[in-house]
């Protein structure tokens, strides 16, 4: 990683600025669509890498990730100050 990028990211973090909640929700929704669209490829790669059965992968990786995304997207309004 480039040193200038690290400095820029550190400065952004220290400034306390953050992206709007709408941006973060849109990113989570996009991640959910990605996981759904690439489900088979993710399962195959995980099985090849870790030797797990496809059903285990689906339950452990995709389902749990998707449930967390749904939870955050539907409950994010509770976290606004």
PDB file of N, CA and C in Angstrom:
ATOM      1  N   UNK A   1       0.854  -1.175   0.000  1.00  0.00           N
ATOM      2  CA  UNK A   1       0.000   0.000   0.000  1.00  0.00           C
ATOM      3  C   UNK A   1       0.898   1.236   0.000  1.00  0.00           C
ATOM      4  N   UNK A   2       0.502   2.205  -0.733  1.00  0.00           N
ATOM      5  CA  UNK A   2       1.263   3.435  -0.863  1.00  0.00           C
ATOM      6  C   UNK A   2       1.212   4.234   0.442  1.00  0.00           C
ATOM      7  N   UNK A   3       2.370   4.808   0.826  1.00  0.00           N
ATOM      8  CA  UNK A   3       2.449   5.552   2.084  1.00  0.00           C
ATOM      9  C   UNK A   3       1.507   6.745   2.095  1.00  0.00           C
ATOM     10  N   UNK A   4       1.349   7.426   0.949  1.00  0.00           N
ATOM     11  CA  UNK A   4       0.441   8.563   0.873  1.00  0.00           C
ATOM     12  C   UNK A   4      -1.002   8.158   1.128  1.00  0.00           C
ATOM     13  N   UNK A   5      -1.372   7.004   0.634  1.00  0.00           N
ATOM     14  CA  UNK A   5      -2.728   6.501   0.858  1.00  0.00           C
ATOM     15  C   UNK A   5      -2.956   6.223   2.339  1.00  0.00           C
ATOM     16  N   UNK A   6      -1.979   5.619   2.982  1.00  0.00           N
ATOM     17  CA  UNK A   6      -2.100   5.326   4.415  1.00  0.00           C
ATOM     18  C   UNK A   6      -2.251   6.629   5.195  1.00  0.00           C
ATOM     19  N   UNK A   7      -1.455   7.618   4.854  1.00  0.00           N
ATOM     20  CA  UNK A   7      -1.547   8.912   5.540  1.00  0.00           C
ATOM     21  C   UNK A   7      -2.914   9.550   5.326  1.00  0.00           C
ATOM     22  N   UNK A   8      -3.407   9.463   4.099  1.00  0.00           N
ATOM     23  CA  UNK A   8      -4.726  10.025   3.782  1.00  0.00           C
ATOM     24  C   UNK A   8      -5.827   9.315   4.586  1.00  0.00           C
ATOM     25  N   UNK A   9      -5.768   7.998   4.617  1.00  0.00           N
ATOM     26  CA  UNK A   9      -6.775   7.227   5.353  1.00  0.00           C
ATOM     27  C   UNK A   9      -6.695   7.506   6.849  1.00  0.00           C
ATOM     28  N   UNK A  10      -5.483   7.618   7.368  1.00  0.00           N
ATOM     29  CA  UNK A  10      -5.317   7.923   8.789  1.00  0.00           C
ATOM     30  C   UNK A  10      -5.889   9.298   9.117  1.00  0.00           C
ATOM     31  N   UNK A  11      -5.621  10.281   8.255  1.00  0.00           N
ATOM     32  CA  UNK A  11      -6.137  11.632   8.475  1.00  0.00           C
ATOM     33  C   UNK A  11      -7.664  11.636   8.435  1.00  0.00           C
ATOM     34  N   UNK A  12      -8.248  10.882   7.499  1.00  0.00           N
ATOM     35  CA  UNK A  12      -9.707  10.788   7.422  1.00  0.00           C
ATOM     36  C   UNK A  12     -10.276  10.179   8.692  1.00  0.00           C
ATOM     37  N   UNK A  13      -9.645   9.117   9.172  1.00  0.00           N
ATOM     38  CA  UNK A  13     -10.100   8.454  10.391  1.00  0.00           C
ATOM     39  C   UNK A  13     -10.033   9.403  11.582  1.00  0.00           C
ATOM     40  N   UNK A  14      -8.930  10.089  11.707  1.00  0.00           N
ATOM     41  CA  UNK A  14      -8.746  10.978  12.850  1.00  0.00           C
ATOM     42  C   UNK A  14      -9.660  12.200  12.806  1.00  0.00           C
ATOM     43  N   UNK A  15     -10.108  12.590  11.611  1.00  0.00           N
ATOM     44  CA  UNK A  15     -10.986  13.752  11.490  1.00  0.00           C
ATOM     45  C   UNK A  15     -12.376  13.483  12.058  1.00  0.00           C
ATOM     46  N   UNK A  16     -12.746  12.213  12.155  1.00  0.00           N
ATOM     47  CA  UNK A  16     -14.061  11.866  12.671  1.00  0.00           C
ATOM     48  C   UNK A  16     -15.168  11.966  11.629  1.00  0.00           C
ATOM     49  N   UNK A  17     -14.810  12.362  10.409  1.00  0.00           N
ATOM     50  CA  UNK A  17     -15.816  12.448   9.346  1.00  0.00           C
ATOM     51  C   UNK A  17     -16.220  11.041   8.939  1.00  0.00           C
ATOM     52  N   UNK A  18     -17.461  10.909   8.577  1.00  0.00           N
ATOM     53  CA  UNK A  18     -17.964   9.607   8.151  1.00  0.00           C
ATOM     54  C   UNK A  18     -18.927   9.794   6.990  1.00  0.00           C
ATOM     55  N   UNK A  19     -19.123   8.753   6.271  1.00  0.00           N
ATOM     56  CA  UNK A  19     -20.063   8.802   5.148  1.00  0.00           C
ATOM     57  C   UNK A  19     -21.484   8.779   5.691  1.00  0.00           C
ATOM     58  N   UNK A  20     -22.431   9.301   4.905  1.00  0.00           N
ATOM     59  CA  UNK A  20     -23.836   9.292   5.346  1.00  0.00           C
ATOM     60  C   UNK A  20     -24.363   7.857   5.518  1.00  0.00           C
ATOM     61  N   UNK A  21     -25.338   7.710   6.382  1.00  0.00           N
ATOM     62  CA  UNK A  21     -25.939   6.404   6.643  1.00  0.00           C
ATOM     63  C   UNK A  21     -26.497   5.799   5.358  1.00  0.00           C
ATOM     64  N   UNK A  22     -27.065   6.638   4.493  1.00  0.00           N
ATOM     65  CA  UNK A  22     -27.629   6.141   3.234  1.00  0.00           C
ATOM     66  C   UNK A  22     -26.555   5.460   2.383  1.00  0.00           C
ATOM     67  N   UNK A  23     -25.347   6.027   2.390  1.00  0.00           N
ATOM     68  CA  UNK A  23     -24.233   5.433   1.646  1.00  0.00           C
ATOM     69  C   UNK A  23     -23.908   4.055   2.216  1.00  0.00           C
ATOM     70  N   UNK A  24     -23.824   3.975   3.528  1.00  0.00           N
ATOM     71  CA  UNK A  24     -23.471   2.706   4.170  1.00  0.00           C
ATOM     72  C   UNK A  24     -24.543   1.639   3.940  1.00  0.00           C
ATOM     73  N   UNK A  25     -25.802   2.036   3.991  1.00  0.00           N
ATOM     74  CA  UNK A  25     -26.895   1.092   3.728  1.00  0.00           C
ATOM     75  C   UNK A  25     -26.826   0.610   2.285  1.00  0.00           C
ATOM     76  N   UNK A  26     -26.572   1.519   1.352  1.00  0.00           N
ATOM     77  CA  UNK A  26     -26.459   1.137  -0.057  1.00  0.00           C
ATOM     78  C   UNK A  26     -25.300   0.164  -0.264  1.00  0.00           C
ATOM     79  N   UNK A  27     -24.198   0.368   0.437  1.00  0.00           N
ATOM     80  CA  UNK A  27     -23.059  -0.545   0.334  1.00  0.00           C
ATOM     81  C   UNK A  27     -23.420  -1.933   0.871  1.00  0.00           C
ATOM     82  N   UNK A  28     -24.136  -1.980   1.975  1.00  0.00           N
ATOM     83  CA  UNK A  28     -24.552  -3.268   2.525  1.00  0.00           C
ATOM     84  C   UNK A  28     -25.532  -3.984   1.594  1.00  0.00           C
ATOM     85  N   UNK A  29     -26.455  -3.229   1.017  1.00  0.00           N
ATOM     86  CA  UNK A  29     -27.399  -3.840   0.067  1.00  0.00           C
ATOM     87  C   UNK A  29     -26.655  -4.380  -1.149  1.00  0.00           C
ATOM     88  N   UNK A  30     -25.650  -3.636  -1.623  1.00  0.00           N
ATOM     89  CA  UNK A  30     -24.850  -4.098  -2.760  1.00  0.00           C
ATOM     90  C   UNK A  30     -24.069  -5.359  -2.392  1.00  0.00           C
ATOM     91  N   UNK A  31     -23.549  -5.415  -1.171  1.00  0.00           N
ATOM     92  CA  UNK A  31     -22.853  -6.610  -0.718  1.00  0.00           C
ATOM     93  C   UNK A  31     -23.803  -7.801  -0.674  1.00  0.00           C
ATOM     94  N   UNK A  32     -25.019  -7.584  -0.217  1.00  0.00           N
ATOM     95  CA  UNK A  32     -26.015  -8.652  -0.200  1.00  0.00           C
ATOM     96  C   UNK A  32     -26.316  -9.171  -1.596  1.00  0.00           C
ATOM     97  N   UNK A  33     -26.467  -8.244  -2.557  1.00  0.00           N
ATOM     98  CA  UNK A  33     -26.701  -8.663  -3.954  1.00  0.00           C
ATOM     99  C   UNK A  33     -25.502  -9.428  -4.496  1.00  0.00           C
ATOM    100  N   UNK A  34     -24.300  -8.960  -4.181  1.00  0.00           N
ATOM    101  CA  UNK A  34     -23.087  -9.641  -4.626  1.00  0.00           C
ATOM    102  C   UNK A  34     -23.040 -11.073  -4.087  1.00  0.00           C
ATOM    103  N   UNK A  35     -23.302 -11.230  -2.794  1.00  0.00           N
ATOM    104  CA  UNK A  35     -23.282 -12.564  -2.204  1.00  0.00           C
ATOM    105  C   UNK A  35     -24.310 -13.473  -2.855  1.00  0.00           C
ATOM    106  N   UNK A  36     -25.473 -12.930  -3.157  1.00  0.00           N
ATOM    107  CA  UNK A  36     -26.510 -13.722  -3.808  1.00  0.00           C
ATOM    108  C   UNK A  36     -26.111 -14.079  -5.238  1.00  0.00           C
ATOM    109  N   UNK A  37     -25.587 -13.099  -5.972  1.00  0.00           N
ATOM    110  CA  UNK A  37     -25.201 -13.319  -7.372  1.00  0.00           C
ATOM    111  C   UNK A  37     -24.030 -14.295  -7.510  1.00  0.00           C
ATOM    112  N   UNK A  38     -23.109 -14.248  -6.576  1.00  0.00           N
ATOM    113  CA  UNK A  38     -21.874 -15.044  -6.664  1.00  0.00           C
ATOM    114  C   UNK A  38     -21.887 -16.254  -5.730  1.00  0.00           C
ATOM    115  N   UNK A  39     -23.069 -16.615  -5.256  1.00  0.00           N
ATOM    116  CA  UNK A  39     -23.196 -17.691  -4.278  1.00  0.00           C
ATOM    117  C   UNK A  39     -22.498 -18.976  -4.719  1.00  0.00           C
ATOM    118  N   UNK A  40     -22.756 -19.419  -5.926  1.00  0.00           N
ATOM    119  CA  UNK A  40     -22.189 -20.688  -6.384  1.00  0.00           C
ATOM    120  C   UNK A  40     -20.669 -20.623  -6.477  1.00  0.00           C
ATOM    121  N   UNK A  41     -20.157 -19.518  -7.008  1.00  0.00           N
ATOM    122  CA  UNK A  41     -18.699 -19.376  -7.115  1.00  0.00           C
ATOM    123  C   UNK A  41     -18.043 -19.342  -5.735  1.00  0.00           C
ATOM    124  N   UNK A  42     -18.685 -18.669  -4.784  1.00  0.00           N
ATOM    125  CA  UNK A  42     -18.156 -18.600  -3.425  1.00  0.00           C
ATOM    126  C   UNK A  42     -18.148 -19.990  -2.795  1.00  0.00           C
ATOM    127  N   UNK A  43     -19.242 -20.725  -2.981  1.00  0.00           N
ATOM    128  CA  UNK A  43     -19.326 -22.072  -2.418  1.00  0.00           C
ATOM    129  C   UNK A  43     -18.263 -22.993  -3.010  1.00  0.00           C
ATOM    130  N   UNK A  44     -18.089 -22.920  -4.321  1.00  0.00           N
ATOM    131  CA  UNK A  44     -17.098 -23.780  -4.971  1.00  0.00           C
ATOM    132  C   UNK A  44     -15.684 -23.435  -4.521  1.00  0.00           C
ATOM    133  N   UNK A  45     -15.364 -22.159  -4.431  1.00  0.00           N
ATOM    134  CA  UNK A  45     -14.029 -21.742  -4.006  1.00  0.00           C
ATOM    135  C   UNK A  45     -13.779 -22.138  -2.552  1.00  0.00           C
ATOM    136  N   UNK A  46     -14.793 -21.988  -1.711  1.00  0.00           N
ATOM    137  CA  UNK A  46     -14.646 -22.343  -0.303  1.00  0.00           C
ATOM    138  C   UNK A  46     -14.461 -23.845  -0.144  1.00  0.00           C
ATOM    139  N   UNK A  47     -15.235 -24.608  -0.905  1.00  0.00           N
ATOM    140  CA  UNK A  47     -15.096 -26.065  -0.838  1.00  0.00           C
ATOM    141  C   UNK A  47     -13.701 -26.486  -1.285  1.00  0.00           C
ATOM    142  N   UNK A  48     -13.206 -25.884  -2.357  1.00  0.00           N
ATOM    143  CA  UNK A  48     -11.876 -26.210  -2.869  1.00  0.00           C
ATOM    144  C   UNK A  48     -10.802 -25.825  -1.852  1.00  0.00           C
ATOM    145  N   UNK A  49     -10.963 -24.667  -1.240  1.00  0.00           N
ATOM    146  CA  UNK A  49      -9.962 -24.159  -0.307  1.00  0.00           C
ATOM    147  C   UNK A  49     -10.029 -24.847   1.047  1.00  0.00           C
ATOM    148  N   UNK A  50     -11.232 -25.052   1.557  1.00  0.00           N
ATOM    149  CA  UNK A  50     -11.388 -25.534   2.927  1.00  0.00           C
ATOM    150  C   UNK A  50     -11.876 -26.976   3.018  1.00  0.00           C
ATOM    151  N   UNK A  51     -12.333 -27.543   1.915  1.00  0.00           N
ATOM    152  CA  UNK A  51     -12.787 -28.921   1.914  1.00  0.00           C
ATOM    153  C   UNK A  51     -14.119 -29.148   2.601  1.00  0.00           C
ATOM    154  N   UNK A  52     -14.905 -28.108   2.747  1.00  0.00           N
ATOM    155  CA  UNK A  52     -16.207 -28.272   3.397  1.00  0.00           C
ATOM    156  C   UNK A  52     -17.262 -28.641   2.370  1.00  0.00           C
ATOM    157  N   UNK A  53     -18.331 -29.214   2.860  1.00  0.00           N
ATOM    158  CA  UNK A  53     -19.452 -29.520   1.981  1.00  0.00           C
ATOM    159  C   UNK A  53     -20.217 -28.246   1.667  1.00  0.00           C
ATOM    160  N   UNK A  54     -20.894 -28.251   0.523  1.00  0.00           N
ATOM    161  CA  UNK A  54     -21.590 -27.050   0.077  1.00  0.00           C
ATOM    162  C   UNK A  54     -22.662 -26.578   1.050  1.00  0.00           C
ATOM    163  N   UNK A  55     -23.399 -27.468   1.646  1.00  0.00           N
ATOM    164  CA  UNK A  55     -24.450 -27.062   2.571  1.00  0.00           C
ATOM    165  C   UNK A  55     -23.867 -26.349   3.786  1.00  0.00           C
ATOM    166  N   UNK A  56     -22.768 -26.873   4.316  1.00  0.00           N
ATOM    167  CA  UNK A  56     -22.109 -26.207   5.443  1.00  0.00           C
ATOM    168  C   UNK A  56     -21.674 -24.800   5.061  1.00  0.00           C
ATOM    169  N   UNK A  57     -21.095 -24.675   3.881  1.00  0.00           N
ATOM    170  CA  UNK A  57     -20.655 -23.355   3.416  1.00  0.00           C
ATOM    171  C   UNK A  57     -21.827 -22.390   3.326  1.00  0.00           C
ATOM    172  N   UNK A  58     -22.916 -22.856   2.741  1.00  0.00           N
ATOM    173  CA  UNK A  58     -24.088 -21.998   2.590  1.00  0.00           C
ATOM    174  C   UNK A  58     -24.573 -21.496   3.933  1.00  0.00           C
ATOM    175  N   UNK A  59     -24.686 -22.379   4.887  1.00  0.00           N
ATOM    176  CA  UNK A  59     -25.173 -21.997   6.206  1.00  0.00           C
ATOM    177  C   UNK A  59     -24.186 -21.120   6.954  1.00  0.00           C
ATOM    178  N   UNK A  60     -22.921 -21.473   6.901  1.00  0.00           N
ATOM    179  CA  UNK A  60     -21.919 -20.760   7.685  1.00  0.00           C
ATOM    180  C   UNK A  60     -21.530 -19.416   7.099  1.00  0.00           C
ATOM    181  N   UNK A  61     -21.426 -19.322   5.809  1.00  0.00           N
ATOM    182  CA  UNK A  61     -20.900 -18.107   5.188  1.00  0.00           C
ATOM    183  C   UNK A  61     -22.003 -17.225   4.627  1.00  0.00           C
ATOM    184  N   UNK A  62     -22.718 -17.719   3.647  1.00  0.00           N
ATOM    185  CA  UNK A  62     -23.685 -16.881   2.950  1.00  0.00           C
ATOM    186  C   UNK A  62     -24.916 -16.552   3.771  1.00  0.00           C
ATOM    187  N   UNK A  63     -25.473 -17.526   4.405  1.00  0.00           N
ATOM    188  CA  UNK A  63     -26.694 -17.289   5.168  1.00  0.00           C
ATOM    189  C   UNK A  63     -26.443 -16.348   6.342  1.00  0.00           C
ATOM    190  N   UNK A  64     -25.402 -16.609   7.087  1.00  0.00           N
ATOM    191  CA  UNK A  64     -25.103 -15.763   8.232  1.00  0.00           C
ATOM    192  C   UNK A  64     -24.759 -14.341   7.784  1.00  0.00           C
ATOM    193  N   UNK A  65     -23.961 -14.216   6.748  1.00  0.00           N
ATOM    194  CA  UNK A  65     -23.618 -12.885   6.232  1.00  0.00           C
ATOM    195  C   UNK A  65     -24.858 -12.148   5.757  1.00  0.00           C
ATOM    196  N   UNK A  66     -25.709 -12.838   5.042  1.00  0.00           N
ATOM    197  CA  UNK A  66     -26.925 -12.222   4.533  1.00  0.00           C
ATOM    198  C   UNK A  66     -27.846 -11.798   5.679  1.00  0.00           C
ATOM    199  N   UNK A  67     -27.969 -12.624   6.688  1.00  0.00           N
ATOM    200  CA  UNK A  67     -28.802 -12.261   7.838  1.00  0.00           C
ATOM    201  C   UNK A  67     -28.265 -11.027   8.546  1.00  0.00           C
ATOM    202  N   UNK A  68     -26.953 -10.921   8.696  1.00  0.00           N
ATOM    203  CA  UNK A  68     -26.378  -9.733   9.320  1.00  0.00           C
ATOM    204  C   UNK A  68     -26.646  -8.491   8.475  1.00  0.00           C
ATOM    205  N   UNK A  69     -26.535  -8.625   7.158  1.00  0.00           N
ATOM    206  CA  UNK A  69     -26.814  -7.489   6.275  1.00  0.00           C
ATOM    207  C   UNK A  69     -28.266  -7.057   6.434  1.00  0.00           C
ATOM    208  N   UNK A  70     -29.180  -8.013   6.433  1.00  0.00           N
ATOM    209  CA  UNK A  70     -30.600  -7.695   6.593  1.00  0.00           C
ATOM    210  C   UNK A  70     -30.837  -7.007   7.940  1.00  0.00           C
ATOM    211  N   UNK A  71     -30.235  -7.521   8.986  1.00  0.00           N
ATOM    212  CA  UNK A  71     -30.397  -6.924  10.308  1.00  0.00           C
ATOM    213  C   UNK A  71     -29.918  -5.478  10.327  1.00  0.00           C
ATOM    214  N   UNK A  72     -28.736  -5.237   9.805  1.00  0.00           N
ATOM    215  CA  UNK A  72     -28.183  -3.886   9.832  1.00  0.00           C
ATOM    216  C   UNK A  72     -29.003  -2.938   8.964  1.00  0.00           C
ATOM    217  N   UNK A  73     -29.381  -3.384   7.779  1.00  0.00           N
ATOM    218  CA  UNK A  73     -30.143  -2.520   6.870  1.00  0.00           C
ATOM    219  C   UNK A  73     -31.502  -2.178   7.460  1.00  0.00           C
ATOM    220  N   UNK A  74     -32.142  -3.123   8.119  1.00  0.00           N
ATOM    221  CA  UNK A  74     -33.473  -2.848   8.656  1.00  0.00           C
ATOM    222  C   UNK A  74     -33.441  -2.123   9.996  1.00  0.00           C
ATOM    223  N   UNK A  75     -32.346  -2.226  10.742  1.00  0.00           N
ATOM    224  CA  UNK A  75     -32.297  -1.625  12.074  1.00  0.00           C
ATOM    225  C   UNK A  75     -31.371  -0.421  12.174  1.00  0.00           C
ATOM    226  N   UNK A  76     -30.774   0.006  11.070  1.00  0.00           N
ATOM    227  CA  UNK A  76     -29.790   1.089  11.154  1.00  0.00           C
ATOM    228  C   UNK A  76     -30.401   2.383  11.696  1.00  0.00           C
ATOM    229  N   UNK A  77     -31.677   2.596  11.469  1.00  0.00           N
ATOM    230  CA  UNK A  77     -32.322   3.830  11.950  1.00  0.00           C
ATOM    231  C   UNK A  77     -32.293   3.917  13.473  1.00  0.00           C
ATOM    232  N   UNK A  78     -32.180   2.787  14.157  1.00  0.00           N
ATOM    233  CA  UNK A  78     -32.117   2.781  15.613  1.00  0.00           C
ATOM    234  C   UNK A  78     -30.798   3.320  16.149  1.00  0.00           C
ATOM    235  N   UNK A  79     -29.760   3.337  15.273  1.00  0.00           N
ATOM    236  CA  UNK A  79     -28.423   3.739  15.712  1.00  0.00           C
ATOM    237  C   UNK A  79     -28.153   5.224  15.474  1.00  0.00           C
ATOM    238  N   UNK A  80     -29.039   5.902  14.760  1.00  0.00           N
ATOM    239  CA  UNK A  80     -28.811   7.304  14.481  1.00  0.00           C
ATOM    240  C   UNK A  80     -28.937   8.119  15.770  1.00  0.00           C
ATOM    241  N   UNK A  81     -28.053   9.047  15.917  1.00  0.00           N
ATOM    242  CA  UNK A  81     -28.093   9.903  17.111  1.00  0.00           C
ATOM    243  C   UNK A  81     -28.759  11.209  16.806  1.00  0.00           C
TER     244      UNK A  81
END
